[in-house]
Amino acid sequence: MSELWQDGAAGVLRLPSGRLVRGRGLSRPLPDGPEPAFGVYLLGHRPPQTRWAARWVRWRDFWLPADPDDAAAALREAWRRAATERVELACLGGKGRTGTALACLAVLDGVPAADAVDYVRTHYSPHAVETPWQRRYVRAFRA
């Protein structure tokens, strides 16, 4: 098992199961500390290469994933891997798309879909999940 994220580190969200997942904005420098083992990058364009395993989910700013099935598969993989690996989710700013994806991970972790946005806003960022359609996406997301 690789070293996991430090609880309380910048951008790290503790899910109810105890899994730790880091959310971040790619517009800011990579935080100090260990690198991710796996990343899911939520962008309208191909992300830069990383030294770790990664998946790109095509997802324009302020919108929803271009391929909802691909996004769900990437989020399920991230949730599974977060049990034993350092996983990060990131978009450009680290709030809207990242917050939406983190809320979906919370649903996978057992948080009721109706409560997942509030969970992420409380434990990650009060600005997470920026648009009404992102909130609806989380409410409709199924584990």
C-alpha atoms as a PDB file:
ATOM      1  CA  MET A   1       0.000   0.000   0.000  1.00  0.00           C
ATOM      2  CA  SER A   2       1.383   3.405  -0.896  1.00  0.00           C
ATOM      3  CA  GLU A   3       1.449   6.286   1.545  1.00  0.00           C
ATOM      4  CA  LEU A   4      -1.925   8.017   1.532  1.00  0.00           C
ATOM      5  CA  TRP A   5      -2.659  11.739   1.694  1.00  0.00           C
ATOM      6  CA  GLN A   6      -2.205  13.477   5.017  1.00  0.00           C
ATOM      7  CA  ASP A   7      -5.607  14.183   6.549  1.00  0.00           C
ATOM      8  CA  GLY A   8      -6.066  17.941   6.779  1.00  0.00           C
ATOM      9  CA  ALA A   9      -3.576  18.737   3.992  1.00  0.00           C
ATOM     10  CA  ALA A  10      -4.640  21.368   1.458  1.00  0.00           C
ATOM     11  CA  GLY A  11      -7.466  20.118  -0.742  1.00  0.00           C
ATOM     12  CA  VAL A  12      -7.757  16.715   0.928  1.00  0.00           C
ATOM     13  CA  LEU A  13     -11.313  15.497   1.450  1.00  0.00           C
ATOM     14  CA  ARG A  14     -12.014  12.687   3.923  1.00  0.00           C
ATOM     15  CA  LEU A  15     -14.920  10.575   2.744  1.00  0.00           C
ATOM     16  CA  PRO A  16     -17.115   8.847   5.350  1.00  0.00           C
ATOM     17  CA  SER A  17     -15.304   5.534   4.758  1.00  0.00           C
ATOM     18  CA  GLY A  18     -12.010   7.189   5.664  1.00  0.00           C
ATOM     19  CA  ARG A  19     -10.748   7.334   2.077  1.00  0.00           C
ATOM     20  CA  LEU A  20      -8.732  10.507   1.451  1.00  0.00           C
ATOM     21  CA  VAL A  21      -8.959  12.190  -1.964  1.00  0.00           C
ATOM     22  CA  ARG A  22      -7.288  15.437  -2.996  1.00  0.00           C
ATOM     23  CA  GLY A  23      -9.066  18.027  -5.094  1.00  0.00           C
ATOM     24  CA  ARG A  24      -7.099  20.845  -6.666  1.00  0.00           C
ATOM     25  CA  GLY A  25      -6.951  23.464  -9.366  1.00  0.00           C
ATOM     26  CA  LEU A  26      -4.425  22.903 -12.141  1.00  0.00           C
ATOM     27  CA  SER A  27      -4.006  26.670 -12.487  1.00  0.00           C
ATOM     28  CA  ARG A  28      -1.996  26.574  -9.246  1.00  0.00           C
ATOM     29  CA  PRO A  29       1.370  24.867  -8.697  1.00  0.00           C
ATOM     30  CA  LEU A  30       1.480  21.251  -7.597  1.00  0.00           C
ATOM     31  CA  PRO A  31       1.266  21.250  -3.784  1.00  0.00           C
ATOM     32  CA  ASP A  32       4.278  20.273  -1.698  1.00  0.00           C
ATOM     33  CA  GLY A  33       4.452  16.709  -0.522  1.00  0.00           C
ATOM     34  CA  PRO A  34       3.949  13.373  -2.220  1.00  0.00           C
ATOM     35  CA  GLU A  35       2.669  13.139  -5.754  1.00  0.00           C
ATOM     36  CA  PRO A  36      -0.577  11.381  -6.609  1.00  0.00           C
ATOM     37  CA  ALA A  37      -0.500   7.744  -7.659  1.00  0.00           C
ATOM     38  CA  PHE A  38      -3.574   8.358  -9.830  1.00  0.00           C
ATOM     39  CA  GLY A  39      -5.329  11.471 -11.119  1.00  0.00           C
ATOM     40  CA  VAL A  40      -8.600  12.226 -12.849  1.00  0.00           C
ATOM     41  CA  TYR A  41      -8.422  15.464 -14.834  1.00  0.00           C
ATOM     42  CA  LEU A  42     -11.690  17.164 -15.705  1.00  0.00           C
ATOM     43  CA  LEU A  43     -10.932  19.474 -18.611  1.00  0.00           C
ATOM     44  CA  GLY A  44     -12.251  20.514 -21.995  1.00  0.00           C
ATOM     45  CA  HIS A  45      -8.796  19.855 -23.498  1.00  0.00           C
ATOM     46  CA  ARG A  46      -6.199  17.125 -22.997  1.00  0.00           C
ATOM     47  CA  PRO A  47      -4.325  17.676 -19.712  1.00  0.00           C
ATOM     48  CA  PRO A  48      -0.552  17.928 -19.494  1.00  0.00           C
ATOM     49  CA  GLN A  49       1.405  14.690 -19.102  1.00  0.00           C
ATOM     50  CA  THR A  50       1.941  13.487 -15.542  1.00  0.00           C
ATOM     51  CA  ARG A  51       4.505  11.209 -13.914  1.00  0.00           C
ATOM     52  CA  TRP A  52       1.618   9.163 -12.440  1.00  0.00           C
ATOM     53  CA  ALA A  53      -1.287   7.197 -13.881  1.00  0.00           C
ATOM     54  CA  ALA A  54      -4.094   9.467 -15.020  1.00  0.00           C
ATOM     55  CA  ARG A  55      -7.426   9.621 -16.814  1.00  0.00           C
ATOM     56  CA  TRP A  56      -8.840  12.542 -18.746  1.00  0.00           C
ATOM     57  CA  VAL A  57     -12.564  13.197 -18.535  1.00  0.00           C
ATOM     58  CA  ARG A  58     -13.603  15.638 -21.236  1.00  0.00           C
ATOM     59  CA  TRP A  59     -15.570  18.251 -19.296  1.00  0.00           C
ATOM     60  CA  ARG A  60     -15.847  21.911 -20.297  1.00  0.00           C
ATOM     61  CA  ASP A  61     -15.727  24.586 -17.606  1.00  0.00           C
ATOM     62  CA  PHE A  62     -19.118  25.237 -15.948  1.00  0.00           C
ATOM     63  CA  TRP A  63     -20.735  22.306 -17.795  1.00  0.00           C
ATOM     64  CA  LEU A  64     -21.125  18.553 -17.434  1.00  0.00           C
ATOM     65  CA  PRO A  65     -18.994  15.675 -18.732  1.00  0.00           C
ATOM     66  CA  ALA A  66     -19.145  15.198 -22.496  1.00  0.00           C
ATOM     67  CA  ASP A  67     -19.505  11.432 -21.940  1.00  0.00           C
ATOM     68  CA  PRO A  68     -21.366  10.694 -18.681  1.00  0.00           C
ATOM     69  CA  ASP A  69     -20.582   6.953 -18.865  1.00  0.00           C
ATOM     70  CA  ASP A  70     -16.845   7.615 -19.208  1.00  0.00           C
ATOM     71  CA  ALA A  71     -17.006  10.099 -16.329  1.00  0.00           C
ATOM     72  CA  ALA A  72     -18.822   7.601 -14.096  1.00  0.00           C
ATOM     73  CA  ALA A  73     -16.256   4.897 -14.924  1.00  0.00           C
ATOM     74  CA  ALA A  74     -13.360   7.271 -14.130  1.00  0.00           C
ATOM     75  CA  LEU A  75     -14.958   8.311 -10.825  1.00  0.00           C
ATOM     76  CA  ARG A  76     -15.612   4.698  -9.839  1.00  0.00           C
ATOM     77  CA  GLU A  77     -11.981   3.871 -10.601  1.00  0.00           C
ATOM     78  CA  ALA A  78     -10.822   6.860  -8.530  1.00  0.00           C
ATOM     79  CA  TRP A  79     -13.021   5.816  -5.601  1.00  0.00           C
ATOM     80  CA  ARG A  80     -11.729   2.216  -5.717  1.00  0.00           C
ATOM     81  CA  ARG A  81      -8.098   3.306  -5.956  1.00  0.00           C
ATOM     82  CA  ALA A  82      -8.465   5.833  -3.119  1.00  0.00           C
ATOM     83  CA  ALA A  83      -8.746   2.914  -0.676  1.00  0.00           C
ATOM     84  CA  THR A  84      -5.011   2.197  -1.114  1.00  0.00           C
ATOM     85  CA  GLU A  85      -3.521   4.983  -3.259  1.00  0.00           C
ATOM     86  CA  ARG A  86      -3.131   8.762  -3.365  1.00  0.00           C
ATOM     87  CA  VAL A  87      -5.862   9.909  -5.763  1.00  0.00           C
ATOM     88  CA  GLU A  88      -6.496  13.457  -6.933  1.00  0.00           C
ATOM     89  CA  LEU A  89      -9.258  15.026  -8.961  1.00  0.00           C
ATOM     90  CA  ALA A  90      -8.589  18.334 -10.643  1.00  0.00           C
ATOM     91  CA  CYS A  91      -9.969  20.884 -13.067  1.00  0.00           C
ATOM     92  CA  LEU A  92      -8.572  24.309 -13.845  1.00  0.00           C
ATOM     93  CA  GLY A  93      -9.894  26.131 -10.763  1.00  0.00           C
ATOM     94  CA  GLY A  94     -10.521  23.197  -8.435  1.00  0.00           C
ATOM     95  CA  LYS A  95     -14.093  24.164  -7.492  1.00  0.00           C
ATOM     96  CA  GLY A  96     -16.888  23.484  -9.998  1.00  0.00           C
ATOM     97  CA  ARG A  97     -15.943  20.342 -11.921  1.00  0.00           C
ATOM     98  CA  THR A  98     -13.665  19.097  -9.146  1.00  0.00           C
ATOM     99  CA  GLY A  99     -16.335  19.728  -6.509  1.00  0.00           C
ATOM    100  CA  THR A 100     -18.933  17.967  -8.654  1.00  0.00           C
ATOM    101  CA  ALA A 101     -16.653  14.947  -9.092  1.00  0.00           C
ATOM    102  CA  LEU A 102     -15.844  14.882  -5.367  1.00  0.00           C
ATOM    103  CA  ALA A 103     -19.567  14.966  -4.582  1.00  0.00           C
ATOM    104  CA  CYS A 104     -20.028  11.959  -6.877  1.00  0.00           C
ATOM    105  CA  LEU A 105     -17.257  10.160  -4.964  1.00  0.00           C
ATOM    106  CA  ALA A 106     -19.144  10.961  -1.774  1.00  0.00           C
ATOM    107  CA  VAL A 107     -22.220   9.292  -3.300  1.00  0.00           C
ATOM    108  CA  LEU A 108     -20.103   6.227  -4.151  1.00  0.00           C
ATOM    109  CA  ASP A 109     -18.921   6.282  -0.534  1.00  0.00           C
ATOM    110  CA  GLY A 110     -22.459   6.152   0.832  1.00  0.00           C
ATOM    111  CA  VAL A 111     -23.483   9.795   1.214  1.00  0.00           C
ATOM    112  CA  PRO A 112     -27.068  10.193  -0.047  1.00  0.00           C
ATOM    113  CA  ALA A 113     -27.028  11.948  -3.427  1.00  0.00           C
ATOM    114  CA  ALA A 114     -29.309  14.682  -2.038  1.00  0.00           C
ATOM    115  CA  ASP A 115     -26.682  15.484   0.649  1.00  0.00           C
ATOM    116  CA  ALA A 116     -23.453  15.048  -1.324  1.00  0.00           C
ATOM    117  CA  VAL A 117     -23.041  18.678  -2.471  1.00  0.00           C
ATOM    118  CA  ASP A 118     -23.465  19.927   1.098  1.00  0.00           C
ATOM    119  CA  TYR A 119     -20.966  17.305   2.292  1.00  0.00           C
ATOM    120  CA  VAL A 120     -18.328  18.511  -0.182  1.00  0.00           C
ATOM    121  CA  ARG A 121     -19.049  22.189   0.510  1.00  0.00           C
ATOM    122  CA  THR A 122     -18.618  21.544   4.238  1.00  0.00           C
ATOM    123  CA  HIS A 123     -15.519  19.336   4.064  1.00  0.00           C
ATOM    124  CA  TYR A 124     -13.726  20.568   0.906  1.00  0.00           C
ATOM    125  CA  SER A 125     -14.789  24.051  -0.228  1.00  0.00           C
ATOM    126  CA  PRO A 126     -17.880  26.200   0.279  1.00  0.00           C
ATOM    127  CA  HIS A 127     -17.541  27.177  -3.414  1.00  0.00           C
ATOM    128  CA  ALA A 128     -17.622  23.590  -4.735  1.00  0.00           C
ATOM    129  CA  VAL A 129     -20.198  22.647  -7.374  1.00  0.00           C
ATOM    130  CA  GLU A 130     -20.854  25.923  -9.149  1.00  0.00           C
ATOM    131  CA  THR A 131     -23.930  25.528 -11.333  1.00  0.00           C
ATOM    132  CA  PRO A 132     -27.505  24.266 -10.925  1.00  0.00           C
ATOM    133  CA  TRP A 133     -26.919  21.575 -13.586  1.00  0.00           C
ATOM    134  CA  GLN A 134     -23.814  20.347 -11.704  1.00  0.00           C
ATOM    135  CA  ARG A 135     -25.967  20.030  -8.557  1.00  0.00           C
ATOM    136  CA  ARG A 136     -28.599  18.104 -10.559  1.00  0.00           C
ATOM    137  CA  TYR A 137     -25.863  15.847 -11.977  1.00  0.00           C
ATOM    138  CA  VAL A 138     -24.776  14.921  -8.441  1.00  0.00           C
ATOM    139  CA  ARG A 139     -28.376  14.312  -7.291  1.00  0.00           C
ATOM    140  CA  ALA A 140     -28.872  11.953 -10.273  1.00  0.00           C
ATOM    141  CA  PHE A 141     -25.510  10.158  -9.846  1.00  0.00           C
ATOM    142  CA  ARG A 142     -25.883   6.528  -8.790  1.00  0.00           C
ATOM    143  CA  ALA A 143     -23.416   4.392  -6.889  1.00  0.00           C
END
